[in-house]
Protein backbone atom coordinates (compact mmCIF):
# COMPACT_ATOMS: atom_id res chain seq x y z
CA UNK A 1 20.62 19.97 18.00
CA UNK A 2 18.58 23.24 15.87
CA UNK A 3 14.80 22.97 16.85
CA UNK A 4 13.82 22.42 13.12
CA UNK A 5 16.27 19.51 13.23
CA UNK A 6 14.17 18.13 15.68
CA UNK A 7 11.03 18.96 14.68
CA UNK A 8 12.68 16.68 11.10
CA UNK A 9 13.64 13.74 13.16
CA UNK A 10 10.52 13.30 14.80
CA UNK A 11 8.35 13.55 11.36
CA UNK A 12 11.15 10.56 10.23
CA UNK A 13 10.39 8.57 12.80
CA UNK A 14 6.64 8.96 12.72
CA UNK A 15 6.65 7.77 9.45
CA UNK A 16 8.79 5.07 9.53
CA UNK A 17 7.01 3.54 12.59
CA UNK A 18 3.93 4.37 10.54
CA UNK A 19 5.26 2.52 7.46
CA UNK A 20 5.90 -0.06 9.47
CA UNK A 21 2.70 -1.04 10.94
CA UNK A 22 1.27 -0.88 7.49
CA UNK A 23 3.90 -2.93 6.30
CA UNK A 24 3.12 -5.49 9.17
CA UNK A 25 -1.26 -5.08 8.08
CA UNK A 26 -0.01 -5.67 4.33
CA UNK A 27 1.65 -9.14 4.94
CA UNK A 28 -1.45 -11.14 5.74
CA UNK A 29 -4.22 -8.37 4.66
CA UNK A 30 -5.32 -7.34 8.17
CA UNK A 31 -3.65 -8.14 11.65
CA UNK A 32 -5.12 -8.13 15.17
CA UNK A 33 -3.13 -4.99 17.05
CA UNK A 34 -1.62 -6.65 19.96
CA UNK A 35 0.19 -8.42 16.91
CA UNK A 36 0.97 -4.91 15.87
CA UNK A 37 2.62 -4.12 19.18
CA UNK A 38 4.51 -6.80 19.21
CA UNK A 39 6.41 -6.24 15.64
CA UNK A 40 6.40 -2.62 16.36
CA UNK A 41 8.14 -3.28 19.96
CA UNK A 42 11.31 -4.87 17.64
CA UNK A 43 11.34 -1.95 15.09
CA UNK A 44 11.72 0.68 18.39
CA UNK A 45 14.55 -1.43 19.60
CA UNK A 46 16.45 -0.01 16.40
CA UNK A 47 15.70 3.57 17.07
CA UNK A 48 17.59 6.05 19.56
CA UNK A 49 17.33 5.52 23.41
CA UNK A 50 14.22 6.87 23.81
CA UNK A 51 11.75 5.81 26.48
CA UNK A 52 7.97 4.80 24.65
CA UNK A 53 5.05 4.34 25.58
CA UNK A 54 3.77 1.28 23.30
CA UNK A 55 0.47 1.24 24.10
CA UNK A 56 -0.06 5.57 23.31
CA UNK A 57 2.26 5.08 20.24
CA UNK A 58 -0.18 1.96 18.94
CA UNK A 59 -3.16 3.91 19.14
CA UNK A 60 -1.62 7.11 17.41
CA UNK A 61 0.03 5.43 14.54
CA UNK A 62 -3.53 3.01 13.85
CA UNK A 63 -5.89 6.42 14.40
CA UNK A 64 -3.45 8.20 11.92
CA UNK A 65 -3.53 5.13 9.70
CA UNK A 66 -7.40 5.29 9.63
CA UNK A 67 -7.88 9.07 9.00
CA UNK A 68 -5.11 8.76 6.05
CA UNK A 69 -7.59 6.41 4.62
CA UNK A 70 -4.34 3.58 4.82
CA UNK A 71 -6.55 0.62 7.41
CA UNK A 72 -9.67 0.45 8.71
CA UNK A 73 -10.48 -1.06 11.75
CA UNK A 74 -13.18 -4.60 11.35
CA UNK A 75 -14.84 -6.80 14.18
CA UNK A 76 -14.48 -10.41 13.91
CA UNK A 77 -15.43 -12.87 16.62
CA UNK A 78 -15.37 -10.05 19.26
CA UNK A 79 -11.86 -8.50 18.46
CA UNK A 80 -10.46 -5.90 16.85
CA UNK A 81 -8.72 -5.91 13.89
CA UNK A 82 -6.68 -3.76 10.97
CA UNK A 83 -7.64 -3.96 7.72
CA UNK A 84 -5.28 -1.89 5.07
CA UNK A 85 -6.99 -0.53 2.37
CA UNK A 86 -6.27 -0.28 -1.47
CA UNK A 87 -4.96 3.17 -0.61
CA UNK A 88 -2.62 1.75 1.89
CA UNK A 89 -1.52 -0.66 -0.13
CA UNK A 90 -0.26 2.03 -2.72
CA UNK A 91 1.29 4.01 -0.45
CA UNK A 92 3.66 0.93 1.03
CA UNK A 93 4.15 0.83 -2.68
CA UNK A 94 5.31 4.24 -2.88
CA UNK A 95 7.36 4.18 0.46
CA UNK A 96 8.87 0.82 -0.46
CA UNK A 97 9.77 2.53 -3.95
CA UNK A 98 11.79 5.13 -2.39
CA UNK A 99 13.81 3.56 -0.67
CA UNK A 100 14.27 0.56 -3.68
CA UNK A 101 15.25 4.46 -5.53
CA UNK A 102 17.62 5.34 -3.08
CA UNK A 103 19.08 1.70 -2.32
CA UNK A 104 20.16 0.70 -5.76
CA UNK A 105 23.16 0.08 -7.81
CA UNK A 106 23.70 3.41 -9.86
CA UNK A 107 25.92 3.22 -12.67
CA UNK A 108 26.03 6.48 -15.25
CA UNK A 109 24.40 5.90 -18.78
CA UNK A 110 25.38 9.48 -19.65
CA UNK A 111 22.08 10.59 -20.14
CA UNK A 112 20.16 12.80 -17.75
CA UNK A 113 16.78 12.11 -16.21
CA UNK A 114 14.65 15.44 -15.94
CA UNK A 115 11.21 15.78 -14.09
CA UNK A 116 9.39 19.13 -15.38
CA UNK A 117 6.53 20.23 -13.47
CA UNK A 118 3.77 22.73 -13.99
CA UNK A 119 1.68 22.61 -11.03
CA UNK A 120 -1.04 25.38 -10.74
CA UNK A 121 -0.65 27.22 -7.58
CA UNK A 122 -4.10 26.34 -5.98
CA UNK A 123 -2.45 23.41 -5.62
CA UNK A 124 0.67 24.60 -3.84
CA UNK A 125 1.21 21.91 -1.50
CA UNK A 126 0.43 19.14 -3.66
CA UNK A 127 3.78 21.23 -5.19
CA UNK A 128 5.31 21.77 -2.39
CA UNK A 129 5.15 17.72 -1.68
CA UNK A 130 6.74 16.94 -5.29
CA UNK A 131 9.30 18.90 -4.55
CA UNK A 132 10.92 17.43 -1.33
CA UNK A 133 9.54 13.25 -2.34
CA UNK A 134 12.35 14.61 -5.01
CA UNK A 135 14.85 16.39 -2.88
CA UNK A 136 14.58 13.01 -1.01
CA UNK A 137 15.83 10.97 -3.56
CA UNK A 138 18.70 12.52 -4.65
CA UNK A 139 17.14 14.99 -7.39
CA UNK A 140 19.25 18.22 -8.14
CA UNK A 141 16.69 21.59 -8.88
CA UNK A 142 17.89 22.68 -12.80
CA UNK A 143 15.74 25.75 -12.09
CA UNK A 144 12.48 26.70 -10.70
CA UNK A 145 10.40 23.27 -12.17
CA UNK A 146 13.06 21.43 -13.74
CA UNK A 147 14.72 18.60 -12.02
CA UNK A 148 17.18 15.96 -12.86
CA UNK A 149 19.11 13.17 -11.59
CA UNK A 150 21.08 10.78 -13.72
CA UNK A 151 20.19 7.57 -12.90
CA UNK A 152 16.32 5.53 -14.04
CA UNK A 153 13.67 6.53 -12.13
CA UNK A 154 10.75 6.17 -14.76
CA UNK A 155 8.99 3.84 -12.50
CA UNK A 156 9.76 5.33 -9.48
CA UNK A 157 8.37 9.11 -11.55
CA UNK A 158 4.87 7.04 -12.99
CA UNK A 159 4.34 6.03 -9.37
CA UNK A 160 4.55 9.92 -8.31
CA UNK A 161 2.45 11.26 -10.71
CA UNK A 162 -0.52 8.63 -9.29
CA UNK A 163 0.25 9.27 -5.74
CA UNK A 164 -0.39 12.93 -6.02
CA UNK A 165 -2.57 12.88 -8.85
CA UNK A 166 -0.79 15.57 -11.32
CA UNK A 167 -0.78 12.99 -14.39
CA UNK A 168 -0.40 15.61 -16.76
CA UNK A 169 1.32 18.57 -14.59
CA UNK A 170 4.34 16.46 -15.00
CA UNK A 171 6.73 15.43 -17.28
CA UNK A 172 9.47 13.01 -17.43
CA UNK A 173 12.47 13.63 -20.45
CA UNK A 174 14.91 11.45 -21.02
CA UNK A 175 18.23 14.07 -22.34
CA UNK A 176 21.62 12.86 -23.62
CA UNK A 177 23.26 16.35 -23.30
CA UNK A 178 22.36 19.46 -20.96
CA UNK A 179 24.30 22.76 -21.83
CA UNK A 180 27.46 23.80 -18.89
CA UNK A 181 26.93 20.52 -16.86
CA UNK A 182 29.88 20.40 -14.98
CA UNK A 183 28.04 21.37 -11.66
CA UNK A 184 25.65 19.41 -12.09
CA UNK A 185 28.13 16.19 -12.52
CA UNK A 186 29.89 17.46 -9.43
CA UNK A 187 26.72 17.17 -7.67
CA UNK A 188 26.63 13.59 -8.45
CA UNK A 189 29.95 12.61 -8.32
CA UNK A 190 29.83 11.83 -12.04
CA UNK A 191 33.09 11.15 -14.37
CA UNK A 192 33.99 13.83 -16.90
CA UNK A 193 32.79 13.03 -20.52
């Protein structure tokens, strides 16, 4: 496995564990770290054969959640609990929406969904994140700032715009036809019309 593949795999694993912890916190609104550790331990059983130092992993994940503003520490009856914040709920909803969009049954209605954006250079990181998320979902780049998808994704794009705070910089459009769409149909395994 190449170096970039290894880095990518580690990032995905971190994100998966982080989302699992965030989801565990979201179930009750707050949760004791010991309880989260048990839930994450069950999750780790499904990951590739690697040894995990659970105490270190939990400290790392919870610290990351706190730094990102997704969770806060509260103390109650002498015990420390992790509580999800509104930003954490929003991030969790976004991650869940990505999973739903990827796994939904897809039947093409003959129309193309296009995302057109003009994010300024000073917000380059946001633009790169936007492109990465769209690529992850399955969008295909038609031109530099124009991405195409054949299935309904309006709700997801609204969530994405809110998550990245790019409201007017990103436009969602539905097109009945795209000239010379033969390559697009092939990329999405769509029937000829």
